[in-house]
Protein backbone atom coordinates (compact mmCIF):
# COMPACT_ATOMS: atom_id res chain seq x y z
CA MET A 1 -13.74 106.97 -73.92
CA PRO A 2 -15.97 104.70 -72.91
CA PRO A 3 -19.41 106.03 -71.87
CA ARG A 4 -20.11 107.13 -68.25
CA ALA A 5 -23.10 104.54 -66.72
CA PHE A 6 -24.62 105.35 -63.90
CA THR A 7 -26.43 102.62 -61.49
CA ALA A 8 -29.17 102.31 -59.06
CA GLY A 9 -31.76 100.42 -57.43
CA LEU A 10 -34.91 101.25 -55.41
CA ALA A 11 -37.53 98.88 -55.57
CA GLN A 12 -40.58 97.58 -53.60
CA GLU A 13 -44.41 96.61 -54.41
CA THR A 14 -46.54 98.05 -52.24
CA ASN A 15 -49.85 96.35 -51.18
CA THR A 16 -51.96 99.18 -50.72
CA PHE A 17 -54.73 97.07 -48.58
CA GLY A 18 -51.89 95.45 -46.54
CA PRO A 19 -51.50 95.25 -42.59
CA LEU A 20 -47.50 96.18 -42.66
CA PRO A 21 -46.51 99.92 -43.43
CA THR A 22 -43.40 100.30 -45.06
CA GLY A 23 -41.24 102.62 -43.38
CA ILE A 24 -37.40 103.09 -43.97
CA GLY A 25 -36.31 100.63 -41.49
CA SER A 26 -38.08 98.15 -44.11
CA PHE A 27 -35.15 99.20 -47.08
CA SER A 28 -31.73 97.52 -46.94
CA GLY A 29 -29.19 98.03 -49.17
CA ARG A 30 -26.26 100.06 -50.29
CA CYS A 31 -27.13 103.75 -49.25
CA GLU A 32 -25.78 106.51 -47.79
CA LEU A 33 -28.34 108.08 -45.63
CA ALA A 34 -27.84 111.44 -43.35
CA GLY A 35 -24.07 110.61 -42.87
CA GLN A 36 -25.07 107.13 -42.04
CA VAL A 37 -23.50 104.39 -44.63
CA PHE A 38 -25.41 101.18 -45.16
CA ASP A 39 -24.05 98.40 -46.81
CA GLU A 40 -25.54 95.09 -47.13
CA GLU A 41 -27.42 93.36 -50.17
CA PRO A 42 -30.88 94.54 -51.22
CA PRO A 43 -33.68 92.19 -51.17
CA PHE A 44 -33.46 91.37 -54.49
CA PRO A 45 -31.15 90.25 -57.29
CA GLU A 46 -28.33 92.78 -58.25
CA SER A 47 -28.43 91.42 -61.79
CA LEU A 48 -28.28 95.11 -63.36
CA LEU A 49 -25.15 95.75 -61.68
CA LEU A 50 -23.20 92.72 -62.24
CA GLY A 51 -24.09 93.29 -65.49
CA GLY A 52 -22.44 96.78 -65.62
CA HIS A 53 -19.23 95.36 -63.86
CA LYS A 54 -19.14 92.83 -66.77
CA ARG A 55 -19.08 95.70 -68.95
CA ALA A 56 -16.96 97.81 -67.19
CA ALA A 57 -13.81 95.20 -66.95
CA GLU A 58 -14.18 94.88 -70.75
CA GLY A 59 -13.80 98.32 -71.18
CA LEU A 60 -17.15 99.06 -72.63
CA ILE A 61 -18.36 101.72 -69.98
CA ASP A 62 -17.00 103.46 -67.25
CA LEU A 63 -19.46 102.69 -64.09
CA ILE A 64 -20.62 104.90 -61.51
CA GLU A 65 -22.67 102.78 -58.44
CA GLY A 66 -25.07 104.78 -56.72
CA PRO A 67 -27.67 103.65 -54.08
CA THR A 68 -29.36 100.05 -54.64
CA ILE A 69 -31.81 99.94 -51.97
CA GLY A 70 -35.43 98.02 -51.83
CA ALA A 71 -38.31 96.64 -49.29
CA HIS A 72 -39.86 93.67 -49.19
CA PRO A 73 -43.81 93.66 -50.43
CA SER A 74 -45.68 95.43 -47.98
CA GLY A 75 -48.08 98.24 -47.03
CA LEU A 76 -48.21 102.32 -48.23
CA VAL A 77 -44.24 103.67 -48.18
CA THR A 78 -44.10 106.24 -45.59
CA ARG A 79 -43.28 109.71 -47.76
CA PHE A 80 -40.48 110.49 -45.63
CA ALA A 81 -38.83 107.15 -46.65
CA TYR A 82 -39.86 107.31 -50.49
CA GLU A 83 -38.51 110.75 -50.44
CA GLN A 84 -35.41 110.15 -48.58
CA LEU A 85 -34.53 106.88 -50.81
CA ARG A 86 -35.12 109.12 -53.62
CA ASP A 87 -33.02 112.08 -52.94
CA ALA A 88 -29.98 110.13 -52.02
CA ILE A 89 -30.46 108.39 -55.63
CA LEU A 90 -30.94 111.43 -57.39
CA ALA A 91 -28.21 113.68 -55.40
CA SER A 92 -25.65 110.33 -56.67
CA LEU A 93 -26.33 111.02 -60.36
CA GLN A 94 -26.03 114.67 -59.93
CA ALA A 95 -22.71 114.17 -58.38
CA ALA A 96 -21.84 111.53 -61.33
CA MET A 97 -22.76 114.25 -63.65
CA PRO A 98 -21.93 114.13 -66.56
CA VAL A 99 -23.43 110.74 -67.73
CA ASP A 100 -24.11 109.04 -71.00
CA ILE A 101 -26.50 106.12 -69.46
CA VAL A 102 -28.84 105.57 -66.52
CA ALA A 103 -29.45 101.99 -65.47
CA VAL A 104 -32.15 101.45 -63.01
CA HIS A 105 -33.59 98.59 -61.35
CA LEU A 106 -36.92 99.03 -60.51
CA HIS A 107 -40.14 97.30 -59.20
CA GLY A 108 -42.57 99.48 -61.06
CA ALA A 109 -45.47 99.04 -58.27
CA MET A 110 -44.17 100.90 -55.17
CA ILE A 111 -46.06 103.33 -54.02
CA ALA A 112 -46.09 105.95 -51.00
CA ASP A 113 -48.02 108.33 -49.57
CA GLY A 114 -48.37 111.74 -51.51
CA TYR A 115 -46.70 109.73 -54.55
CA GLU A 116 -49.27 107.36 -56.54
CA ASP A 117 -46.33 106.82 -59.17
CA CYS A 118 -42.96 106.44 -57.36
CA GLU A 119 -40.94 104.93 -60.26
CA GLY A 120 -42.32 107.79 -62.72
CA ASP A 121 -41.36 110.84 -60.26
CA LEU A 122 -38.13 109.08 -60.20
CA LEU A 123 -37.35 108.72 -63.38
CA THR A 124 -39.00 111.88 -64.55
CA ARG A 125 -36.50 114.03 -62.30
CA MET A 126 -33.69 111.87 -63.21
CA ARG A 127 -34.49 112.83 -66.69
CA ALA A 128 -34.39 116.39 -65.55
CA ILE A 129 -31.02 115.79 -64.39
CA ILE A 130 -29.10 114.20 -67.18
CA GLY A 131 -30.59 115.97 -70.20
CA PRO A 132 -32.07 114.89 -73.53
CA ASP A 133 -29.10 113.25 -74.94
CA ALA A 134 -28.19 110.20 -72.44
CA PHE A 135 -30.10 107.04 -72.30
CA ILE A 136 -32.12 106.08 -69.34
CA GLY A 137 -32.82 102.19 -69.04
CA ALA A 138 -34.84 100.78 -66.61
CA MET A 139 -35.32 96.72 -65.51
CA ILE A 140 -39.06 96.17 -63.84
CA ASP A 141 -41.05 93.73 -62.41
CA PRO A 142 -44.24 92.51 -64.99
CA HIS A 143 -46.20 92.97 -61.29
CA ALA A 144 -45.52 96.33 -61.84
CA HIS A 145 -47.57 99.54 -62.67
CA LEU A 146 -46.38 100.59 -65.97
CA SER A 147 -47.24 104.23 -66.18
CA ALA A 148 -47.16 106.67 -69.50
CA ALA A 149 -44.56 109.13 -67.28
CA MET A 150 -42.25 106.03 -66.85
CA VAL A 151 -42.37 104.87 -70.42
CA GLU A 152 -41.66 108.82 -71.59
CA ALA A 153 -38.70 109.46 -69.40
CA ALA A 154 -36.72 106.37 -70.62
CA GLU A 155 -36.02 104.85 -73.79
CA ILE A 156 -35.46 101.47 -72.58
CA ILE A 157 -37.94 99.47 -70.14
CA VAL A 158 -37.84 95.89 -70.11
CA ALA A 159 -39.93 93.52 -67.91
CA TYR A 160 -39.08 90.01 -66.72
CA LYS A 161 -40.85 87.75 -68.95
CA GLU A 162 -41.27 84.42 -66.66
CA TYR A 163 -43.80 84.18 -63.84
CA PRO A 164 -42.13 82.92 -61.37
CA HIS A 165 -39.36 85.20 -62.30
CA THR A 166 -36.51 83.50 -62.96
CA ASP A 167 -35.56 85.16 -66.07
CA PHE A 168 -33.55 88.53 -64.30
CA ARG A 169 -29.95 87.18 -65.41
CA GLU A 170 -31.14 87.55 -68.89
CA ARG A 171 -33.37 90.90 -68.71
CA ALA A 172 -30.59 92.77 -67.11
CA GLU A 173 -28.14 91.55 -70.32
CA GLU A 174 -31.20 92.68 -72.45
CA VAL A 175 -31.40 96.38 -70.52
CA TRP A 176 -27.46 96.80 -71.04
CA GLU A 177 -27.65 95.36 -74.91
CA LEU A 178 -30.08 97.81 -75.67
CA LEU A 179 -28.44 100.54 -73.78
CA LEU A 180 -25.21 100.47 -75.15
CA ALA A 181 -27.00 99.81 -79.12
CA ALA A 182 -29.04 102.87 -78.59
CA ARG A 183 -26.06 105.49 -77.08
CA ALA A 184 -23.74 103.97 -80.44
CA GLY A 185 -26.55 104.98 -82.74
CA ARG A 186 -26.76 101.61 -83.43
CA ILE A 187 -30.52 101.55 -82.68
CA ARG A 188 -33.23 104.64 -82.31
CA PRO A 189 -35.90 102.99 -79.91
CA VAL A 190 -39.43 104.51 -80.11
CA ALA A 191 -42.16 103.05 -77.51
CA ALA A 192 -45.72 102.34 -77.70
CA LEU A 193 -48.09 101.52 -74.41
CA TRP A 194 -51.64 99.69 -74.65
CA ASP A 195 -53.87 99.26 -71.40
CA THR A 196 -55.67 95.78 -71.70
CA ARG A 197 -58.33 97.15 -69.32
CA ALA A 198 -58.71 94.25 -67.56
CA ILE A 199 -55.96 92.57 -64.53
CA ALA A 200 -55.13 88.62 -64.57
CA VAL A 201 -52.60 86.52 -63.44
CA TYR A 202 -50.40 85.16 -66.06
CA HIS A 203 -48.58 81.73 -65.04
CA THR A 204 -45.91 81.02 -67.29
CA SER A 205 -46.14 77.41 -66.40
CA ARG A 206 -49.41 77.71 -67.69
CA PRO A 207 -49.49 76.70 -71.42
CA GLU A 208 -51.60 79.14 -72.92
CA VAL A 209 -49.26 81.91 -71.06
CA ARG A 210 -46.28 80.08 -72.06
CA SER A 211 -47.17 80.11 -75.28
CA LEU A 212 -47.95 83.90 -75.53
CA VAL A 213 -44.51 84.45 -73.83
CA ASP A 214 -42.87 82.15 -76.67
CA TRP A 215 -44.21 84.35 -79.35
CA MET A 216 -43.09 87.57 -77.54
CA GLN A 217 -39.61 86.48 -77.84
CA ASP A 218 -39.85 85.05 -81.40
CA VAL A 219 -40.88 88.90 -82.33
CA GLU A 220 -37.60 90.02 -80.75
CA GLN A 221 -35.42 87.15 -82.49
CA ARG A 222 -36.89 87.92 -85.69
CA GLY A 223 -36.09 91.61 -85.33
CA ASP A 224 -39.83 93.24 -85.24
CA ALA A 225 -38.94 94.54 -81.87
CA LEU A 226 -36.22 95.35 -79.77
CA SER A 227 -38.11 94.27 -76.71
CA LEU A 228 -41.94 93.54 -75.75
CA SER A 229 -43.23 93.36 -72.33
CA LEU A 230 -46.33 92.34 -70.84
CA VAL A 231 -46.46 93.97 -67.57
CA HIS A 232 -49.65 92.11 -65.48
CA SER A 233 -49.77 94.85 -63.06
CA PHE A 234 -50.01 94.24 -58.65
CA PRO A 235 -53.28 93.46 -58.14
CA TRP A 236 -53.43 94.77 -54.66
CA GLY A 237 -52.05 98.68 -55.20
CA ASP A 238 -54.58 100.97 -55.53
CA THR A 239 -53.49 103.10 -58.28
CA ARG A 240 -54.50 105.56 -61.66
CA ASP A 241 -52.00 102.67 -63.38
CA PHE A 242 -53.88 99.55 -62.30
CA GLY A 243 -53.94 96.98 -64.88
CA THR A 244 -52.43 94.81 -67.51
CA ARG A 245 -50.28 96.50 -70.28
CA ALA A 246 -48.43 95.74 -72.87
CA LEU A 247 -45.49 97.92 -73.93
CA ALA A 248 -43.58 97.35 -77.29
CA ILE A 249 -40.21 98.66 -78.08
CA CYS A 250 -39.32 99.26 -81.70
CA ASP A 251 -35.99 100.65 -83.72
CA GLY A 252 -37.34 103.73 -85.12
CA ASN A 253 -40.86 102.54 -86.38
CA LEU A 254 -43.46 104.05 -84.09
CA ASP A 255 -46.28 102.48 -86.28
CA ALA A 256 -44.77 98.92 -85.29
CA ALA A 257 -44.58 99.66 -81.79
CA HIS A 258 -47.97 100.59 -82.06
CA PHE A 259 -49.19 97.86 -83.65
CA LEU A 260 -47.53 95.33 -81.91
CA ALA A 261 -48.29 96.69 -78.10
CA GLY A 262 -51.77 96.54 -79.93
CA ASP A 263 -51.39 93.06 -80.75
CA LEU A 264 -49.71 91.79 -77.14
CA ALA A 265 -52.54 93.28 -75.06
CA ASN A 266 -55.23 91.96 -77.19
CA ARG A 267 -53.76 88.47 -77.03
CA ALA A 268 -53.23 88.96 -73.41
CA ARG A 269 -57.03 90.26 -72.72
CA VAL A 270 -57.99 87.15 -74.35
CA ILE A 271 -55.99 85.09 -71.95
CA ALA A 272 -57.54 86.66 -69.43
CA GLU A 273 -61.50 86.40 -70.05
CA THR A 274 -61.08 82.85 -71.39
CA THR A 275 -58.39 81.01 -69.15
CA PRO A 276 -57.99 82.76 -65.89
CA ALA A 277 -55.81 80.91 -63.58
CA SER A 278 -58.29 79.09 -61.06
CA THR A 279 -58.01 78.84 -56.80
CA ILE A 280 -59.64 75.83 -54.87
CA LYS A 281 -61.66 76.13 -51.18
CA LEU A 282 -59.45 74.98 -48.56
CA ASP A 283 -61.42 72.69 -47.54
CA ALA A 284 -62.04 70.90 -50.66
CA ALA A 285 -58.10 71.29 -51.05
CA LEU A 286 -57.23 68.95 -48.52
CA THR A 287 -60.02 66.70 -49.01
CA ARG A 288 -58.49 66.15 -53.17
CA ALA A 289 -55.23 65.26 -50.97
CA LEU A 290 -56.14 63.14 -48.54
CA ILE A 291 -57.88 60.93 -51.01
CA GLY A 292 -55.90 61.19 -54.29
CA GLY A 293 -53.03 58.98 -53.16
CA ASP A 294 -49.67 58.83 -52.43
CA GLY A 295 -48.31 62.77 -52.56
CA PRO A 296 -46.59 64.99 -52.20
CA PHE A 297 -49.40 67.72 -52.82
CA VAL A 298 -48.22 71.02 -52.90
CA LEU A 299 -50.83 73.46 -51.72
CA ALA A 300 -49.71 77.05 -52.38
CA ASP A 301 -51.24 79.35 -49.54
CA GLY A 302 -51.40 82.71 -51.87
CA PRO A 303 -53.31 84.30 -49.80
CA ASP A 304 -50.80 84.40 -47.18
CA ASN A 305 -47.82 85.33 -49.70
CA PRO A 306 -45.28 87.88 -48.22
CA GLY A 307 -44.39 88.42 -51.92
CA GLY A 308 -47.52 90.33 -52.06
CA GLY A 309 -47.23 92.10 -49.11
CA ALA A 310 -49.23 89.55 -46.75
CA ALA A 311 -47.62 89.46 -43.26
CA GLY A 312 -46.77 85.53 -43.75
CA ASP A 313 -48.30 84.28 -40.17
CA SER A 314 -51.94 83.36 -40.67
CA THR A 315 -52.92 80.24 -38.98
CA PHE A 316 -56.01 79.07 -41.39
CA VAL A 317 -54.63 76.58 -43.13
CA LEU A 318 -52.65 75.37 -40.14
CA ALA A 319 -55.38 75.13 -37.75
CA ALA A 320 -57.26 73.56 -40.89
CA LEU A 321 -54.62 70.84 -40.85
CA LEU A 322 -54.67 70.00 -36.64
CA ASP A 323 -58.26 70.26 -37.06
CA LEU A 324 -58.44 67.29 -39.74
CA ASN A 325 -55.64 65.36 -37.82
CA ILE A 326 -53.40 65.61 -40.61
CA GLU A 327 -49.76 64.27 -39.34
CA SER A 328 -47.74 63.62 -42.72
CA ALA A 329 -47.61 67.45 -43.50
CA CYS A 330 -45.26 70.48 -43.43
CA LEU A 331 -45.78 73.93 -44.13
CA GLY A 332 -43.80 77.23 -44.22
CA PRO A 333 -42.24 79.65 -43.72
CA VAL A 334 -44.29 81.50 -40.67
CA TRP A 335 -43.09 84.70 -40.24
CA ASP A 336 -42.95 85.02 -36.00
CA PRO A 337 -40.00 86.36 -34.74
CA GLN A 338 -41.48 86.03 -31.37
CA ALA A 339 -41.40 82.24 -31.24
CA VAL A 340 -38.18 81.97 -33.28
CA ALA A 341 -36.54 83.50 -30.27
CA ILE A 342 -38.37 81.20 -28.04
CA ALA A 343 -37.51 78.03 -29.97
CA PHE A 344 -33.96 79.27 -29.79
CA GLU A 345 -33.99 79.91 -26.13
CA ALA A 346 -35.42 76.63 -25.55
CA GLY A 347 -33.13 74.09 -27.93
CA ALA A 348 -32.87 72.03 -30.57
CA GLY A 349 -34.25 68.62 -28.89
CA ALA A 350 -37.00 70.65 -26.14
CA ARG A 351 -40.28 70.24 -25.87
CA LEU A 352 -42.53 73.65 -24.80
CA ALA A 353 -46.02 75.24 -25.16
CA MET A 354 -45.70 77.46 -27.79
CA ARG A 355 -47.88 80.88 -29.17
CA VAL A 356 -47.58 80.61 -33.03
CA GLY A 357 -48.63 82.90 -35.53
CA GLY A 358 -51.68 85.41 -35.95
CA LYS A 359 -50.64 88.07 -34.47
CA THR A 360 -50.62 90.93 -37.22
CA GLY A 361 -54.35 91.35 -37.21
CA PRO A 362 -57.79 89.50 -38.17
CA LEU A 363 -56.48 88.27 -41.75
CA SER A 364 -53.86 86.56 -39.80
CA GLY A 365 -56.34 84.54 -37.71
CA SER A 366 -56.26 83.72 -34.35
CA PRO A 367 -52.60 82.50 -32.71
CA LEU A 368 -52.65 78.67 -32.31
CA ASP A 369 -50.88 77.54 -29.21
CA LEU A 370 -49.58 74.58 -29.67
CA ASP A 371 -47.55 71.34 -28.24
CA ALA A 372 -44.46 71.71 -30.06
CA GLU A 373 -40.96 69.93 -30.12
CA ILE A 374 -38.35 71.78 -31.41
CA VAL A 375 -36.64 69.96 -33.84
CA ALA A 376 -33.96 71.86 -35.92
CA LEU A 377 -32.19 75.76 -35.80
CA ARG A 378 -30.36 77.50 -38.19
CA GLU A 379 -28.61 80.90 -37.25
CA ALA A 380 -28.82 82.40 -40.80
CA GLY A 381 -31.37 80.41 -42.52
CA ALA A 382 -31.57 80.85 -46.59
CA GLN A 383 -33.55 79.77 -49.62
CA THR A 384 -32.21 78.94 -52.90
CA PHE A 385 -34.52 80.87 -55.77
CA ALA A 386 -32.66 80.96 -59.21
CA GLY A 387 -29.14 80.71 -58.21
CA ALA A 388 -29.24 83.10 -56.43
CA SER A 389 -29.65 83.05 -52.06
CA PHE A 390 -32.59 84.79 -50.43
CA PRO A 391 -31.93 84.75 -46.41
CA ILE A 392 -35.01 84.23 -43.74
CA GLY A 393 -32.74 85.07 -40.80
CA ARG A 394 -33.14 83.03 -37.44
CA ALA A 395 -35.35 79.86 -38.38
CA ALA A 396 -37.10 77.04 -36.64
CA LEU A 397 -38.29 73.95 -37.62
CA ILE A 398 -40.92 72.86 -35.22
CA ARG A 399 -43.30 69.63 -34.95
CA THR A 400 -46.60 69.46 -33.84
CA ARG A 401 -48.81 66.71 -33.77
CA GLY A 402 -46.93 65.09 -36.83
CA ILE A 403 -47.00 68.25 -38.72
CA GLU A 404 -43.55 70.10 -39.17
CA VAL A 405 -43.48 74.23 -39.25
CA VAL A 406 -40.90 76.67 -40.88
CA LEU A 407 -40.73 79.27 -38.21
CA VAL A 408 -38.77 82.62 -39.55
CA SER A 409 -37.70 85.83 -38.10
CA LYS A 410 -37.13 87.56 -41.68
CA ARG A 411 -40.16 87.79 -44.05
CA ASP A 412 -40.16 85.86 -47.22
CA GLN A 413 -42.65 83.93 -49.87
CA ALA A 414 -41.57 79.87 -50.25
CA ARG A 415 -39.12 79.89 -52.89
CA GLY A 416 -37.58 76.78 -52.94
CA PRO A 417 -37.81 72.72 -51.39
CA ASP A 418 -34.24 74.28 -49.35
CA LEU A 419 -36.61 76.10 -47.32
CA PHE A 420 -37.45 72.65 -45.67
CA THR A 421 -34.89 70.27 -46.41
CA GLN A 422 -31.90 72.89 -44.87
CA PHE A 423 -34.10 71.15 -41.72
CA GLY A 424 -33.73 67.70 -42.72
CA VAL A 425 -37.27 67.74 -43.65
CA ASP A 426 -37.64 64.46 -45.99
CA LEU A 427 -40.42 66.07 -48.70
CA ALA A 428 -41.29 63.04 -50.71
CA ARG A 429 -42.24 61.04 -47.84
CA LYS A 430 -45.21 64.23 -47.11
CA GLN A 431 -48.80 63.64 -48.33
CA ILE A 432 -49.24 67.74 -47.61
CA ILE A 433 -46.59 70.33 -48.09
CA VAL A 434 -47.85 73.96 -48.05
CA VAL A 435 -46.06 77.00 -49.16
CA LYS A 436 -46.61 80.28 -48.22
CA SER A 437 -46.33 81.94 -51.83
CA SER A 438 -48.45 82.32 -54.76
CA GLN A 439 -45.96 81.09 -57.55
CA HIS A 440 -42.04 81.72 -57.09
CA PHE A 441 -42.18 78.40 -55.60
CA TYR A 442 -43.31 76.87 -58.63
CA ASP A 443 -39.83 75.83 -60.12
CA GLY A 444 -38.54 74.24 -57.06
CA PHE A 445 -41.51 72.12 -55.86
CA ALA A 446 -43.23 70.80 -59.62
CA SER A 447 -41.08 68.14 -60.19
CA ILE A 448 -41.79 66.29 -56.75
CA ALA A 449 -45.24 67.28 -56.64
CA LYS A 450 -47.60 65.23 -57.57
CA GLU A 451 -50.13 68.05 -57.23
CA ILE A 452 -49.91 71.67 -57.15
CA ILE A 453 -53.28 73.34 -55.85
CA TYR A 454 -53.78 77.13 -55.74
CA LEU A 455 -55.54 77.82 -52.57
CA ASP A 456 -58.39 79.72 -52.10
CA ALA A 457 -58.37 80.85 -48.34
CA PRO A 458 -58.86 83.78 -46.02
CA GLY A 459 -56.10 86.48 -46.06
CA SER A 460 -55.00 89.55 -47.46
CA LEU A 461 -54.16 88.66 -51.16
CA GLN A 462 -57.61 87.72 -51.99
CA SER A 463 -58.21 86.55 -55.96
CA ASP A 464 -62.01 87.96 -55.84
CA LEU A 465 -60.64 91.45 -56.53
CA THR A 466 -64.23 92.97 -56.36
CA SER A 467 -64.12 92.35 -52.54
CA TYR A 468 -61.78 95.58 -52.62
CA ALA A 469 -62.63 98.90 -52.09
CA TYR A 470 -60.48 100.69 -54.74
CA ALA A 471 -60.87 104.42 -55.05
CA ARG A 472 -58.07 105.05 -57.93
CA ILE A 473 -58.43 102.72 -60.63
CA THR A 474 -59.48 103.57 -63.71
CA ARG A 475 -62.49 102.03 -64.76
CA PRO A 476 -64.28 99.95 -66.30
CA ARG A 477 -61.68 96.95 -65.37
CA TRP A 478 -62.44 93.30 -65.96
CA PRO A 479 -62.80 91.54 -63.90
CA ILE A 480 -63.44 93.90 -61.16
CA ASP A 481 -66.65 95.46 -63.15
CA ARG A 482 -68.06 91.91 -64.64
CA ALA A 483 -71.56 93.95 -65.07
CA ALA A 484 -70.07 95.64 -68.08
CA PRO A 485 -68.96 93.96 -71.23
CA PRO A 486 -65.20 93.67 -71.47
CA PRO A 487 -63.29 96.92 -72.51
CA GLU A 488 -61.38 96.99 -75.96
CA PRO A 489 -57.82 97.89 -74.87
CA VAL A 490 -56.50 101.45 -75.32
CA SER A 491 -53.39 103.12 -76.28
CA LEU A 492 -52.04 105.11 -73.39
CA LEU A 493 -49.44 106.87 -75.69
CA PRO A 494 -51.33 107.77 -78.92
CA ARG A 495 -48.02 110.26 -79.73
CA PRO A 496 -44.69 109.59 -80.31
CA VAL A 497 -41.76 109.41 -77.31
CA ARG A 498 -38.70 110.92 -77.01
CA SER A 499 -36.03 109.16 -79.23
CA ASN A 500 -32.89 110.96 -78.91
CA THR A 501 -32.58 111.78 -82.57
C-alpha cells in the first residue's frame, strides 16, 4: 500500500511594526471553523498541494487534504486567529491518523500574540500527534525566521531559493521527492542550522547573490547535500529567531551538514557586509529618472510594499510626482477600497474630485485631493506572477494631471506589468513607472525598464533597521549594531537532530 500523506498550509508574514492587525477575517483558504466551511484559494500558490495530487494520481501516496489557509503580510496575528487555525489543522491531522508523511506549506515568519514562533509551535504539535516514525516536510519562504524548533520537528525544510520567489513549484517538488525518499529508506536526513548573526537583503537579480544560489544548487546536484537553504529572515519581525540563517540537510552525515551550513552562512555574511542592497532618496531618484533620457525608469516603492506588511496606500511618491508636474508616469497599486467604490459609482469616463490614499496612518502620508478621470474599471482584477494569478479585487485606473494610478480593493504588491496593461496603459511610453513592491516586480519589469531604482522614501518598511525599536532579537546583529565588529556565524544545533533511524 502507498504511504498515507497529509497536506496542510498556514502562511502569513508578520510585520510587528506594521499598522494593520491580522485577525481571523484577514485569512482565506480552505478550512472549517466552528462548523463554517471556507472554500476559496489561499493567498499563495498551492504548489505543495498540487505536487501531492500529482503523486496521488501516480499511485505513490494516499493523499489526505487538511486545511490550507493564509493571509497577506500585515501586523501581529491575534491569539484567537492563530489558535483557531492551528487547532483546525491539528484536528484534521488527528482525524487522518495514522499517517506516514506530513507535507505543510508555511511562510515561516508568522508571529502571534503569545506565540513568537508560530511555525515551530505548529510543527512541534504535529510531531507529537504523528510520533517519531513518520516524516514531516515543510516548504517555507526565505523571509522566514527559521527556528531550531522548526528544524528539530521536521526532517525536511526547504526554502525558496529565488528572490523574487519564482521557484515555488521546483521547491515543492523537492519537498515531495525528499519526503518519499526518506519514507522509503533511501536517504536518512540530518540537519545543521547556522546563524550568520547578520541580516541582509538577497536579491537573486544581483550577480553576487546569483552566484551564491548557483553554488548551492551545484552542491545539491553533486550529491554533497540533500538540500541547502539560505533563509534571509524578515527584517520587520521582532523575534528571537530574527536574522539570516543557513540550513543544510545531508544524507546521514551530520559533520557534512555542519560544514556546509557554516560555509553557506559565511558566504552569505560576506555578501551582507561587502555588497549590501542600495536605495536612493526619493528626490534624487526622480531627478535621475527625469534627466536620464528616454524611459521607462522603474521606481520600486519598497517602503510601502504590501508584501512586507505595509498598508499600500501611502501618497509620498505620488505627491512628489505631482509637485514636479511629471506627466508621463504611472503608479500602483494603491490600496483604497473607498476610492475604488467611488470610481465604480461614477463609471468609466467620468471626471470628479477624489480623495485618494493616506488613510491608514502617519506612515501612509496625507490623503490627496485629486481632479481625477476614471479611465477604466475591472470588476475582478488580477496580476500574473511566475505563471500564477493573484487577485486585486475590484480595481480602477484613474488619471490625474497626466499621471495614471491603479487603485485596488484587495491589498497586494505590484507583481507584473499586467497590473497596468489590463487597463490599457502603454508602459513603453512612460518615463516613470512606480511599483509598490520590494522585489517581486523584478522579473516582470526588468525587460522593459531602462533602469530599476529602489527608493528610500517615507513608509512602513525602512531599510535603515537602526530606526526600529527591536526588543526581542538576539544581539549583536549586523548591521543593526554597527558599533560592534561583525560577529562570527554560530551553529544553532550543536547536537544531532532526530533522524528516524
